[in-house]
Amino acid sequence: MTEDPEAVAENINAAGAIFLGPWTPEPLGDFVAGPSHVLPTGGAGKYFNGLTVNQFFRRTSLVKYSQNALSKEVDAMSAFAKAEGLDAHGRSGTIRFD
C-alpha cells in the first residue's frame, strides 16, 4: 500500500506479481486474477509442468483492481479461500467492504 503504486512498481525489478492499490488483495492472484506463483497441486502435475524454460525468464504480472472489479470477484475469492482453509485470505477481500 502506497500513495502512488504505479511509480513504486516501476522501480521493482524482481517480483512474480505486484498487486497495486487498495482494491487488490494478494489472494486475487492466488484464486481468481490469473497469474499464479504456485506449482500445480491436487494432481494437476500429471497434466501441467511445474517448471518450463519460460520460468527461467524474469517476468512480472501487474494486477490492479477497482472497487467495482473486486466486488464482482470477492465472493469467488472467499469461496476458494474457505475451501482451502485460508480464512484470512478470503477476509483480505471482504474486509474492504466492511
N, C-alpha and C. Protein backbone atom coordinates (compact mmCIF):
# COMPACT_ATOMS: atom_id res chain seq x y z
N MET A 1 0.85 -1.17 0.00
CA MET A 1 0.00 0.00 0.00
C MET A 1 0.90 1.24 0.00
N THR A 2 0.69 2.03 -0.99
CA THR A 2 1.48 3.24 -1.13
C THR A 2 0.66 4.29 -1.86
N GLU A 3 1.04 5.54 -1.72
CA GLU A 3 0.28 6.63 -2.33
C GLU A 3 0.27 6.55 -3.86
N ASP A 4 1.38 6.13 -4.45
CA ASP A 4 1.48 6.06 -5.91
C ASP A 4 2.03 4.69 -6.31
N PRO A 5 1.18 3.65 -6.32
CA PRO A 5 1.68 2.30 -6.54
C PRO A 5 2.33 2.09 -7.90
N GLU A 6 1.85 2.76 -8.93
CA GLU A 6 2.45 2.60 -10.25
C GLU A 6 3.90 3.08 -10.27
N ALA A 7 4.15 4.21 -9.62
CA ALA A 7 5.52 4.74 -9.56
C ALA A 7 6.44 3.80 -8.79
N VAL A 8 5.94 3.25 -7.71
CA VAL A 8 6.75 2.30 -6.93
C VAL A 8 7.02 1.05 -7.76
N ALA A 9 5.99 0.57 -8.47
CA ALA A 9 6.13 -0.65 -9.27
C ALA A 9 7.19 -0.51 -10.35
N GLU A 10 7.35 0.68 -10.89
CA GLU A 10 8.36 0.91 -11.93
C GLU A 10 9.77 0.64 -11.42
N ASN A 11 9.98 0.73 -10.11
CA ASN A 11 11.30 0.53 -9.54
C ASN A 11 11.53 -0.87 -9.00
N ILE A 12 10.55 -1.75 -9.16
CA ILE A 12 10.70 -3.13 -8.71
C ILE A 12 11.15 -3.96 -9.91
N ASN A 13 12.27 -4.64 -9.78
CA ASN A 13 12.78 -5.39 -10.92
C ASN A 13 12.83 -6.90 -10.70
N ALA A 14 12.34 -7.38 -9.58
CA ALA A 14 12.32 -8.81 -9.34
C ALA A 14 11.11 -9.16 -8.47
N ALA A 15 9.99 -9.44 -9.12
CA ALA A 15 8.78 -9.86 -8.41
C ALA A 15 7.94 -10.71 -9.34
N GLY A 16 7.35 -11.75 -8.81
CA GLY A 16 6.46 -12.58 -9.62
C GLY A 16 5.19 -11.85 -9.96
N ALA A 17 4.66 -11.10 -9.01
CA ALA A 17 3.45 -10.32 -9.22
C ALA A 17 3.47 -9.12 -8.29
N ILE A 18 2.91 -8.04 -8.76
CA ILE A 18 2.79 -6.82 -7.96
C ILE A 18 1.31 -6.46 -7.93
N PHE A 19 0.76 -6.31 -6.74
CA PHE A 19 -0.66 -6.02 -6.56
C PHE A 19 -0.81 -4.55 -6.18
N LEU A 20 -1.43 -3.78 -7.07
CA LEU A 20 -1.48 -2.34 -6.96
C LEU A 20 -2.79 -1.82 -6.38
N GLY A 21 -2.69 -0.96 -5.40
CA GLY A 21 -3.84 -0.23 -4.90
C GLY A 21 -4.65 -0.93 -3.81
N PRO A 22 -5.56 -0.19 -3.22
CA PRO A 22 -6.31 -0.67 -2.06
C PRO A 22 -7.37 -1.72 -2.39
N TRP A 23 -7.69 -1.93 -3.63
CA TRP A 23 -8.73 -2.89 -4.02
C TRP A 23 -8.14 -4.16 -4.63
N THR A 24 -6.85 -4.40 -4.37
CA THR A 24 -6.18 -5.54 -4.99
C THR A 24 -5.46 -6.39 -3.94
N PRO A 25 -6.21 -7.14 -3.11
CA PRO A 25 -5.55 -8.01 -2.15
C PRO A 25 -4.80 -9.13 -2.87
N GLU A 26 -3.71 -9.55 -2.32
CA GLU A 26 -2.86 -10.57 -2.95
C GLU A 26 -3.59 -11.88 -3.26
N PRO A 27 -4.53 -12.34 -2.43
CA PRO A 27 -5.20 -13.59 -2.76
C PRO A 27 -5.98 -13.58 -4.09
N LEU A 28 -6.22 -12.42 -4.65
CA LEU A 28 -6.79 -12.38 -6.00
C LEU A 28 -5.88 -13.15 -6.96
N GLY A 29 -4.58 -12.96 -6.80
CA GLY A 29 -3.62 -13.66 -7.65
C GLY A 29 -3.60 -15.15 -7.39
N ASP A 30 -3.88 -15.56 -6.16
CA ASP A 30 -3.90 -16.98 -5.82
C ASP A 30 -5.12 -17.67 -6.42
N PHE A 31 -6.25 -16.97 -6.45
CA PHE A 31 -7.51 -17.65 -6.73
C PHE A 31 -8.25 -17.23 -8.00
N VAL A 32 -8.23 -15.96 -8.38
CA VAL A 32 -9.12 -15.56 -9.48
C VAL A 32 -8.52 -14.64 -10.54
N ALA A 33 -7.48 -13.91 -10.24
CA ALA A 33 -7.00 -12.89 -11.18
C ALA A 33 -6.23 -13.48 -12.36
N GLY A 34 -5.68 -14.65 -12.21
CA GLY A 34 -4.97 -15.26 -13.33
C GLY A 34 -3.54 -15.63 -13.03
N PRO A 35 -2.66 -14.66 -12.74
CA PRO A 35 -1.26 -15.05 -12.50
C PRO A 35 -1.14 -15.86 -11.23
N SER A 36 -0.32 -16.88 -11.27
CA SER A 36 -0.14 -17.72 -10.10
C SER A 36 1.35 -17.92 -9.85
N HIS A 37 1.71 -17.90 -8.59
CA HIS A 37 3.11 -18.09 -8.21
C HIS A 37 3.33 -19.48 -7.63
N VAL A 38 2.34 -20.36 -7.74
CA VAL A 38 2.45 -21.67 -7.13
C VAL A 38 2.58 -22.76 -8.18
N LEU A 39 3.17 -23.88 -7.78
CA LEU A 39 3.29 -25.03 -8.65
C LEU A 39 1.96 -25.79 -8.69
N PRO A 40 1.72 -26.60 -9.71
CA PRO A 40 0.47 -27.36 -9.79
C PRO A 40 0.29 -28.27 -8.58
N THR A 41 -0.93 -28.33 -8.06
CA THR A 41 -1.23 -29.18 -6.91
C THR A 41 -2.47 -30.00 -7.22
N GLY A 42 -2.86 -30.83 -6.29
CA GLY A 42 -4.07 -31.62 -6.43
C GLY A 42 -4.02 -32.58 -7.61
N GLY A 43 -2.84 -33.07 -7.95
CA GLY A 43 -2.71 -33.99 -9.07
C GLY A 43 -2.57 -33.34 -10.42
N ALA A 44 -2.66 -32.00 -10.48
CA ALA A 44 -2.57 -31.30 -11.76
C ALA A 44 -1.20 -31.46 -12.40
N GLY A 45 -0.19 -31.81 -11.62
CA GLY A 45 1.14 -32.02 -12.16
C GLY A 45 1.20 -33.14 -13.19
N LYS A 46 0.18 -34.01 -13.21
CA LYS A 46 0.12 -35.06 -14.23
C LYS A 46 -0.09 -34.48 -15.62
N TYR A 47 -0.71 -33.29 -15.66
CA TYR A 47 -1.09 -32.69 -16.93
C TYR A 47 -0.33 -31.42 -17.26
N PHE A 48 0.21 -30.75 -16.25
CA PHE A 48 0.90 -29.47 -16.45
C PHE A 48 2.27 -29.55 -15.81
N ASN A 49 3.26 -29.02 -16.49
CA ASN A 49 4.61 -28.98 -15.93
C ASN A 49 4.69 -27.95 -14.82
N GLY A 50 5.43 -28.28 -13.79
CA GLY A 50 5.68 -27.30 -12.75
C GLY A 50 6.67 -26.24 -13.21
N LEU A 51 7.69 -26.66 -13.92
CA LEU A 51 8.69 -25.72 -14.42
C LEU A 51 8.92 -25.97 -15.91
N THR A 52 9.08 -24.89 -16.64
CA THR A 52 9.45 -24.96 -18.04
C THR A 52 10.57 -23.96 -18.27
N VAL A 53 11.12 -23.95 -19.45
CA VAL A 53 12.17 -22.98 -19.78
C VAL A 53 11.70 -21.55 -19.51
N ASN A 54 10.42 -21.29 -19.77
CA ASN A 54 9.89 -19.93 -19.57
C ASN A 54 10.01 -19.46 -18.13
N GLN A 55 9.99 -20.38 -17.15
CA GLN A 55 10.10 -19.97 -15.76
C GLN A 55 11.47 -19.40 -15.42
N PHE A 56 12.44 -19.59 -16.29
CA PHE A 56 13.77 -19.07 -16.01
C PHE A 56 13.98 -17.67 -16.58
N PHE A 57 12.94 -17.14 -17.22
CA PHE A 57 12.95 -15.74 -17.67
C PHE A 57 12.26 -14.91 -16.60
N ARG A 58 12.77 -13.73 -16.37
CA ARG A 58 12.18 -12.86 -15.37
C ARG A 58 10.96 -12.18 -15.97
N ARG A 59 9.83 -12.35 -15.32
CA ARG A 59 8.60 -11.68 -15.75
C ARG A 59 7.83 -11.28 -14.51
N THR A 60 7.03 -10.26 -14.66
CA THR A 60 6.24 -9.75 -13.56
C THR A 60 4.82 -9.48 -14.05
N SER A 61 3.85 -9.91 -13.27
CA SER A 61 2.45 -9.59 -13.56
C SER A 61 2.05 -8.41 -12.70
N LEU A 62 1.44 -7.40 -13.31
CA LEU A 62 0.88 -6.27 -12.57
C LEU A 62 -0.63 -6.49 -12.49
N VAL A 63 -1.15 -6.45 -11.28
CA VAL A 63 -2.58 -6.67 -11.07
C VAL A 63 -3.13 -5.45 -10.35
N LYS A 64 -4.18 -4.84 -10.91
CA LYS A 64 -4.82 -3.69 -10.27
C LYS A 64 -6.32 -3.78 -10.47
N TYR A 65 -7.03 -3.90 -9.38
CA TYR A 65 -8.49 -3.98 -9.39
C TYR A 65 -9.08 -2.65 -8.91
N SER A 66 -10.24 -2.33 -9.43
CA SER A 66 -11.03 -1.21 -8.90
C SER A 66 -11.98 -1.78 -7.85
N GLN A 67 -12.66 -0.91 -7.14
CA GLN A 67 -13.64 -1.36 -6.16
C GLN A 67 -14.72 -2.19 -6.85
N ASN A 68 -15.18 -1.74 -7.99
CA ASN A 68 -16.21 -2.46 -8.73
C ASN A 68 -15.72 -3.85 -9.17
N ALA A 69 -14.50 -3.93 -9.68
CA ALA A 69 -13.95 -5.21 -10.12
C ALA A 69 -13.83 -6.18 -8.95
N LEU A 70 -13.32 -5.70 -7.81
CA LEU A 70 -13.19 -6.58 -6.65
C LEU A 70 -14.56 -7.04 -6.17
N SER A 71 -15.55 -6.15 -6.21
CA SER A 71 -16.88 -6.54 -5.74
C SER A 71 -17.45 -7.70 -6.56
N LYS A 72 -17.07 -7.80 -7.82
CA LYS A 72 -17.55 -8.88 -8.69
C LYS A 72 -16.86 -10.21 -8.42
N GLU A 73 -15.67 -10.20 -7.83
CA GLU A 73 -14.91 -11.42 -7.65
C GLU A 73 -14.63 -11.79 -6.20
N VAL A 74 -15.01 -10.93 -5.28
CA VAL A 74 -14.69 -11.19 -3.87
C VAL A 74 -15.37 -12.45 -3.36
N ASP A 75 -16.58 -12.74 -3.81
CA ASP A 75 -17.26 -13.96 -3.35
C ASP A 75 -16.54 -15.21 -3.83
N ALA A 76 -16.09 -15.22 -5.08
CA ALA A 76 -15.34 -16.36 -5.60
C ALA A 76 -14.02 -16.51 -4.86
N MET A 77 -13.34 -15.39 -4.63
CA MET A 77 -12.07 -15.43 -3.91
C MET A 77 -12.29 -16.00 -2.51
N SER A 78 -13.34 -15.57 -1.84
CA SER A 78 -13.64 -16.05 -0.49
C SER A 78 -13.98 -17.53 -0.49
N ALA A 79 -14.72 -17.99 -1.51
CA ALA A 79 -15.09 -19.40 -1.59
C ALA A 79 -13.85 -20.28 -1.77
N PHE A 80 -12.93 -19.86 -2.66
CA PHE A 80 -11.68 -20.61 -2.82
C PHE A 80 -10.90 -20.65 -1.52
N ALA A 81 -10.80 -19.51 -0.85
CA ALA A 81 -10.05 -19.43 0.40
C ALA A 81 -10.68 -20.34 1.45
N LYS A 82 -11.99 -20.33 1.54
CA LYS A 82 -12.68 -21.18 2.52
C LYS A 82 -12.43 -22.65 2.22
N ALA A 83 -12.50 -23.03 0.95
CA ALA A 83 -12.27 -24.42 0.56
C ALA A 83 -10.87 -24.89 0.92
N GLU A 84 -9.91 -23.98 0.93
CA GLU A 84 -8.53 -24.34 1.25
C GLU A 84 -8.20 -24.10 2.72
N GLY A 85 -9.19 -23.65 3.51
CA GLY A 85 -8.96 -23.41 4.93
C GLY A 85 -8.12 -22.17 5.19
N LEU A 86 -8.18 -21.22 4.27
CA LEU A 86 -7.38 -19.99 4.39
C LEU A 86 -8.31 -18.79 4.61
N ASP A 87 -8.96 -18.79 5.77
CA ASP A 87 -9.97 -17.77 6.05
C ASP A 87 -9.44 -16.34 5.94
N ALA A 88 -8.22 -16.11 6.38
CA ALA A 88 -7.67 -14.75 6.32
C ALA A 88 -7.47 -14.29 4.87
N HIS A 89 -7.17 -15.23 3.98
CA HIS A 89 -7.07 -14.87 2.56
C HIS A 89 -8.40 -14.34 2.06
N GLY A 90 -9.48 -15.03 2.38
CA GLY A 90 -10.80 -14.56 1.97
C GLY A 90 -11.16 -13.25 2.63
N ARG A 91 -10.82 -13.12 3.88
CA ARG A 91 -11.14 -11.90 4.64
C ARG A 91 -10.38 -10.69 4.09
N SER A 92 -9.23 -10.91 3.47
CA SER A 92 -8.46 -9.78 2.92
C SER A 92 -9.25 -9.06 1.83
N GLY A 93 -10.21 -9.74 1.23
CA GLY A 93 -11.08 -9.10 0.24
C GLY A 93 -12.34 -8.54 0.87
N THR A 94 -13.02 -9.36 1.69
CA THR A 94 -14.30 -8.92 2.24
C THR A 94 -14.16 -7.74 3.21
N ILE A 95 -13.04 -7.66 3.90
CA ILE A 95 -12.84 -6.59 4.88
C ILE A 95 -12.85 -5.20 4.21
N ARG A 96 -12.53 -5.15 2.96
CA ARG A 96 -12.51 -3.87 2.25
C ARG A 96 -13.92 -3.29 2.04
N PHE A 97 -14.93 -4.12 2.25
CA PHE A 97 -16.30 -3.67 2.07
C PHE A 97 -17.03 -3.48 3.38
N ASP A 98 -16.34 -3.70 4.51
CA ASP A 98 -16.96 -3.51 5.84
C ASP A 98 -17.18 -2.04 6.13
